Amino acid sequence: MLEYALTHPEKVKALVLSSTSGTLDRRGSDPSGGRDYDAWMKDAEAKVVDGMAKGIHPAVGASAAARWPALHLLYRSIDEMAGALDKAKLRDGLRRTATRTFADLATFRVPTLLIAGGEDVVFPAFLASAIAARLPCGEAEIISDSGHSPYFEQAARFNELVDAFLVRQR
């Protein structure tokens, strides 16, 4: 969606990114020069390995799996339906294509809301705030008790944030 908004800003009134930086380079978006991102990655990878050993889906995480077992079952079922999809390879491919820098967005004026889950081990929540601060029309919201899918895990709060953001764009 970020690429579409960059290519056709006149067709996009507002943009909401949930648990993603789109095609922005994550490490390059880290205000610490990558130090915080690297530390987050190391910690997140350890949590993913530990969780997977316990049968916990990475996008949900241990805390959300305990709070919402039905949601965790949904994620596991989706994975089973995906069959032989190599998620690690997919994630690596997505990271390789995320090469945009803030210089590419210097004139990007589409109001953009980044929402992230504070317990996410797939996307570092601190980057949502860092990216929003660098966008000309950026905002960020962190849903502290959510993992990678705040739109499922905390749907009412997520929808409140999106609704309020869209009202401000009228």
C-alpha atoms as a PDB file:
ATOM      1  CA  MET A   1       0.000   0.000   0.000  1.00  0.00           C
ATOM      2  CA  LEU A   2       2.851   2.404   0.701  1.00  0.00           C
ATOM      3  CA  GLU A   3       4.124   1.954  -2.831  1.00  0.00           C
ATOM      4  CA  TYR A   4       0.685   2.707  -4.282  1.00  0.00           C
ATOM      5  CA  ALA A   5       0.379   5.812  -2.105  1.00  0.00           C
ATOM      6  CA  LEU A   6       3.846   6.967  -3.178  1.00  0.00           C
ATOM      7  CA  THR A   7       3.046   6.398  -6.845  1.00  0.00           C
ATOM      8  CA  HIS A   8      -0.505   7.794  -6.762  1.00  0.00           C
ATOM      9  CA  PRO A   9      -0.736  10.239  -3.839  1.00  0.00           C
ATOM     10  CA  GLU A  10      -3.573  12.083  -5.539  1.00  0.00           C
ATOM     11  CA  LYS A  11      -5.713   8.930  -5.270  1.00  0.00           C
ATOM     12  CA  VAL A  12      -5.003   8.274  -1.582  1.00  0.00           C
ATOM     13  CA  LYS A  13      -6.648  10.469   1.061  1.00  0.00           C
ATOM     14  CA  ALA A  14      -5.064   8.656   4.012  1.00  0.00           C
ATOM     15  CA  LEU A  15      -2.997   5.559   4.690  1.00  0.00           C
ATOM     16  CA  VAL A  16      -3.017   3.162   7.637  1.00  0.00           C
ATOM     17  CA  LEU A  17      -0.121   0.741   8.070  1.00  0.00           C
ATOM     18  CA  SER A  18      -0.530  -1.950  10.695  1.00  0.00           C
ATOM     19  CA  SER A  19       2.559  -3.700  12.033  1.00  0.00           C
ATOM     20  CA  THR A  20       4.632  -2.838   8.990  1.00  0.00           C
ATOM     21  CA  SER A  21       6.972  -0.232   7.595  1.00  0.00           C
ATOM     22  CA  GLY A  22       5.905  -1.091   4.076  1.00  0.00           C
ATOM     23  CA  THR A  23       8.874  -0.794   1.762  1.00  0.00           C
ATOM     24  CA  LEU A  24      10.866   1.427   4.121  1.00  0.00           C
ATOM     25  CA  ASP A  25      14.137  -0.115   5.220  1.00  0.00           C
ATOM     26  CA  ARG A  26      13.565  -1.091   8.851  1.00  0.00           C
ATOM     27  CA  ARG A  27      17.128  -0.876  10.044  1.00  0.00           C
ATOM     28  CA  GLY A  28      17.592   2.404   8.191  1.00  0.00           C
ATOM     29  CA  SER A  29      14.464   3.769   9.875  1.00  0.00           C
ATOM     30  CA  ASP A  30      15.912   3.198  13.339  1.00  0.00           C
ATOM     31  CA  PRO A  31      16.966   6.552  14.850  1.00  0.00           C
ATOM     32  CA  SER A  32      19.790   4.791  16.727  1.00  0.00           C
ATOM     33  CA  GLY A  33      21.454   3.924  13.433  1.00  0.00           C
ATOM     34  CA  GLY A  34      20.358   0.306  13.637  1.00  0.00           C
ATOM     35  CA  ARG A  35      21.570  -0.467  17.161  1.00  0.00           C
ATOM     36  CA  ASP A  36      18.073  -0.680  18.664  1.00  0.00           C
ATOM     37  CA  TYR A  37      16.739  -2.579  15.674  1.00  0.00           C
ATOM     38  CA  ASP A  38      19.544  -5.131  15.882  1.00  0.00           C
ATOM     39  CA  ALA A  39      18.915  -5.632  19.610  1.00  0.00           C
ATOM     40  CA  TRP A  40      15.173  -5.953  18.975  1.00  0.00           C
ATOM     41  CA  MET A  41      15.810  -8.502  16.182  1.00  0.00           C
ATOM     42  CA  LYS A  42      18.029 -10.621  18.415  1.00  0.00           C
ATOM     43  CA  ASP A  43      15.411 -10.617  21.186  1.00  0.00           C
ATOM     44  CA  ALA A  44      12.510 -11.197  18.765  1.00  0.00           C
ATOM     45  CA  GLU A  45      14.264 -14.131  17.072  1.00  0.00           C
ATOM     46  CA  ALA A  46      14.860 -15.750  20.479  1.00  0.00           C
ATOM     47  CA  LYS A  47      11.179 -15.273  21.395  1.00  0.00           C
ATOM     48  CA  VAL A  48      10.081 -16.772  18.066  1.00  0.00           C
ATOM     49  CA  VAL A  49      12.314 -19.835  18.506  1.00  0.00           C
ATOM     50  CA  ASP A  50      11.159 -20.299  22.104  1.00  0.00           C
ATOM     51  CA  GLY A  51       7.514 -19.841  21.138  1.00  0.00           C
ATOM     52  CA  MET A  52       7.690 -22.190  18.178  1.00  0.00           C
ATOM     53  CA  ALA A  53       9.237 -24.849  20.411  1.00  0.00           C
ATOM     54  CA  LYS A  54       6.082 -24.500  22.521  1.00  0.00           C
ATOM     55  CA  GLY A  55       3.789 -24.531  19.465  1.00  0.00           C
ATOM     56  CA  ILE A  56       3.115 -20.793  19.592  1.00  0.00           C
ATOM     57  CA  HIS A  57       2.618 -18.961  16.315  1.00  0.00           C
ATOM     58  CA  PRO A  58       5.082 -16.029  15.980  1.00  0.00           C
ATOM     59  CA  ALA A  59       2.472 -13.546  14.757  1.00  0.00           C
ATOM     60  CA  VAL A  60       0.419 -14.107  17.892  1.00  0.00           C
ATOM     61  CA  GLY A  61       3.153 -14.582  20.484  1.00  0.00           C
ATOM     62  CA  ALA A  62       3.017 -16.268  23.868  1.00  0.00           C
ATOM     63  CA  SER A  63       1.038 -13.594  25.680  1.00  0.00           C
ATOM     64  CA  ALA A  64      -1.714 -13.321  23.069  1.00  0.00           C
ATOM     65  CA  ALA A  65      -1.857 -17.111  22.629  1.00  0.00           C
ATOM     66  CA  ALA A  66      -2.619 -17.381  26.352  1.00  0.00           C
ATOM     67  CA  ARG A  67      -5.174 -14.551  26.313  1.00  0.00           C
ATOM     68  CA  TRP A  68      -6.916 -15.529  23.068  1.00  0.00           C
ATOM     69  CA  PRO A  69      -6.576 -19.257  22.340  1.00  0.00           C
ATOM     70  CA  ALA A  70      -9.194 -19.052  19.560  1.00  0.00           C
ATOM     71  CA  LEU A  71      -7.140 -16.404  17.759  1.00  0.00           C
ATOM     72  CA  HIS A  72      -4.057 -18.551  18.125  1.00  0.00           C
ATOM     73  CA  LEU A  73      -5.963 -21.485  16.659  1.00  0.00           C
ATOM     74  CA  LEU A  74      -6.991 -19.264  13.730  1.00  0.00           C
ATOM     75  CA  TYR A  75      -3.357 -18.415  12.977  1.00  0.00           C
ATOM     76  CA  ARG A  76      -2.275 -22.029  13.218  1.00  0.00           C
ATOM     77  CA  SER A  77      -5.159 -23.058  10.919  1.00  0.00           C
ATOM     78  CA  ILE A  78      -4.179 -20.424   8.354  1.00  0.00           C
ATOM     79  CA  ASP A  79      -0.625 -21.765   8.433  1.00  0.00           C
ATOM     80  CA  GLU A  80      -1.861 -25.310   7.894  1.00  0.00           C
ATOM     81  CA  MET A  81      -3.923 -24.165   4.905  1.00  0.00           C
ATOM     82  CA  ALA A  82      -0.875 -22.387   3.478  1.00  0.00           C
ATOM     83  CA  GLY A  83       0.820 -25.759   3.191  1.00  0.00           C
ATOM     84  CA  ALA A  84       4.458 -25.674   2.254  1.00  0.00           C
ATOM     85  CA  LEU A  85       4.806 -21.884   2.255  1.00  0.00           C
ATOM     86  CA  ASP A  86       8.257 -21.098   3.628  1.00  0.00           C
ATOM     87  CA  LYS A  87       7.549 -18.170   5.954  1.00  0.00           C
ATOM     88  CA  ALA A  88      11.216 -17.557   6.764  1.00  0.00           C
ATOM     89  CA  LYS A  89      11.985 -17.254   3.069  1.00  0.00           C
ATOM     90  CA  LEU A  90       8.984 -14.968   2.609  1.00  0.00           C
ATOM     91  CA  ARG A  91      10.076 -12.707   5.502  1.00  0.00           C
ATOM     92  CA  ASP A  92      13.613 -12.546   4.133  1.00  0.00           C
ATOM     93  CA  GLY A  93      12.252 -11.603   0.711  1.00  0.00           C
ATOM     94  CA  LEU A  94      10.072  -8.861   2.161  1.00  0.00           C
ATOM     95  CA  ARG A  95      13.029  -7.464   4.082  1.00  0.00           C
ATOM     96  CA  ARG A  96      15.164  -7.482   0.938  1.00  0.00           C
ATOM     97  CA  THR A  97      12.574  -5.432  -0.970  1.00  0.00           C
ATOM     98  CA  ALA A  98      12.225  -2.894   1.832  1.00  0.00           C
ATOM     99  CA  THR A  99      14.869  -0.510   0.567  1.00  0.00           C
ATOM    100  CA  ARG A 100      13.196   2.881   0.659  1.00  0.00           C
ATOM    101  CA  THR A 101      14.757   5.621   2.758  1.00  0.00           C
ATOM    102  CA  PHE A 102      13.240   8.707   4.354  1.00  0.00           C
ATOM    103  CA  ALA A 103      14.725  10.725   1.499  1.00  0.00           C
ATOM    104  CA  ASP A 104      12.275   8.883  -0.782  1.00  0.00           C
ATOM    105  CA  LEU A 105       9.408  10.169   1.360  1.00  0.00           C
ATOM    106  CA  ALA A 106      10.533  13.773   1.803  1.00  0.00           C
ATOM    107  CA  THR A 107       7.601  15.100  -0.240  1.00  0.00           C
ATOM    108  CA  PHE A 108       5.111  12.410   0.777  1.00  0.00           C
ATOM    109  CA  ARG A 109       2.102  14.314   2.091  1.00  0.00           C
ATOM    110  CA  VAL A 110      -0.455  11.519   2.464  1.00  0.00           C
ATOM    111  CA  PRO A 111      -1.581  11.448   6.099  1.00  0.00           C
ATOM    112  CA  THR A 112      -0.284   8.149   7.430  1.00  0.00           C
ATOM    113  CA  LEU A 113      -1.136   6.307  10.633  1.00  0.00           C
ATOM    114  CA  LEU A 114       1.183   3.523  11.749  1.00  0.00           C
ATOM    115  CA  ILE A 115      -0.292   1.146  14.315  1.00  0.00           C
ATOM    116  CA  ALA A 116       1.852  -1.456  16.023  1.00  0.00           C
ATOM    117  CA  GLY A 117       1.468  -4.014  18.768  1.00  0.00           C
ATOM    118  CA  GLY A 118       3.739  -3.536  21.755  1.00  0.00           C
ATOM    119  CA  GLU A 119       4.310  -7.308  22.036  1.00  0.00           C
ATOM    120  CA  ASP A 120       4.985  -7.884  18.337  1.00  0.00           C
ATOM    121  CA  VAL A 121       7.957 -10.138  17.488  1.00  0.00           C
ATOM    122  CA  VAL A 122       7.518  -9.654  13.737  1.00  0.00           C
ATOM    123  CA  PHE A 123       7.610  -5.840  13.517  1.00  0.00           C
ATOM    124  CA  PRO A 124       9.334  -3.635  16.111  1.00  0.00           C
ATOM    125  CA  ALA A 125       6.719  -1.323  17.607  1.00  0.00           C
ATOM    126  CA  PHE A 126       9.267   1.408  18.315  1.00  0.00           C
ATOM    127  CA  LEU A 127       9.757   1.824  14.575  1.00  0.00           C
ATOM    128  CA  ALA A 128       6.129   2.882  14.091  1.00  0.00           C
ATOM    129  CA  SER A 129       6.788   5.947  16.234  1.00  0.00           C
ATOM    130  CA  ALA A 130      10.192   6.573  14.671  1.00  0.00           C
ATOM    131  CA  ILE A 131       8.801   6.402  11.153  1.00  0.00           C
ATOM    132  CA  ALA A 132       5.766   8.556  11.935  1.00  0.00           C
ATOM    133  CA  ALA A 133       8.046  11.217  13.423  1.00  0.00           C
ATOM    134  CA  ARG A 134       9.971  11.424  10.141  1.00  0.00           C
ATOM    135  CA  LEU A 135       6.955  11.515   7.823  1.00  0.00           C
ATOM    136  CA  PRO A 136       5.613  14.971   6.953  1.00  0.00           C
ATOM    137  CA  CYS A 137       2.068  13.832   7.885  1.00  0.00           C
ATOM    138  CA  GLY A 138       2.736  10.811  10.088  1.00  0.00           C
ATOM    139  CA  GLU A 139       1.126   9.584  13.304  1.00  0.00           C
ATOM    140  CA  ALA A 140       1.746   6.456  15.343  1.00  0.00           C
ATOM    141  CA  GLU A 141      -0.198   4.467  17.891  1.00  0.00           C
ATOM    142  CA  ILE A 142       1.129   1.531  19.890  1.00  0.00           C
ATOM    143  CA  ILE A 143      -1.369  -0.952  21.287  1.00  0.00           C
ATOM    144  CA  SER A 144       0.695  -2.211  24.183  1.00  0.00           C
ATOM    145  CA  ASP A 145      -1.088  -5.514  24.831  1.00  0.00           C
ATOM    146  CA  SER A 146      -1.094  -6.692  21.235  1.00  0.00           C
ATOM    147  CA  GLY A 147       1.230  -8.704  19.040  1.00  0.00           C
ATOM    148  CA  HIS A 148       1.555  -8.588  15.263  1.00  0.00           C
ATOM    149  CA  SER A 149      -2.169  -8.397  14.530  1.00  0.00           C
ATOM    150  CA  PRO A 150      -3.725  -5.611  16.572  1.00  0.00           C
ATOM    151  CA  TYR A 151      -6.671  -5.552  14.151  1.00  0.00           C
ATOM    152  CA  PHE A 152      -7.577  -9.062  15.439  1.00  0.00           C
ATOM    153  CA  GLU A 153      -6.182  -9.015  18.953  1.00  0.00           C
ATOM    154  CA  GLN A 154      -7.546  -5.620  19.954  1.00  0.00           C
ATOM    155  CA  ALA A 155     -10.095  -5.015  17.188  1.00  0.00           C
ATOM    156  CA  ALA A 156     -12.221  -2.468  19.068  1.00  0.00           C
ATOM    157  CA  ARG A 157      -9.192  -0.339  20.024  1.00  0.00           C
ATOM    158  CA  PHE A 158      -7.694  -0.678  16.543  1.00  0.00           C
ATOM    159  CA  ASN A 159     -10.952   0.412  14.919  1.00  0.00           C
ATOM    160  CA  GLU A 160     -11.274   3.364  17.334  1.00  0.00           C
ATOM    161  CA  LEU A 161      -7.799   4.543  16.347  1.00  0.00           C
ATOM    162  CA  VAL A 162      -8.471   4.165  12.627  1.00  0.00           C
ATOM    163  CA  ASP A 163     -11.890   5.849  12.894  1.00  0.00           C
ATOM    164  CA  ALA A 164     -10.472   8.814  14.808  1.00  0.00           C
ATOM    165  CA  PHE A 165      -7.604   9.150  12.329  1.00  0.00           C
ATOM    166  CA  LEU A 166      -9.931   9.065   9.324  1.00  0.00           C
ATOM    167  CA  VAL A 167     -12.274  11.627  10.915  1.00  0.00           C
ATOM    168  CA  ARG A 168      -9.299  13.984  11.235  1.00  0.00           C
ATOM    169  CA  GLN A 169      -8.680  13.622   7.486  1.00  0.00           C
ATOM    170  CA  ARG A 170     -12.106  14.916   6.433  1.00  0.00           C
END
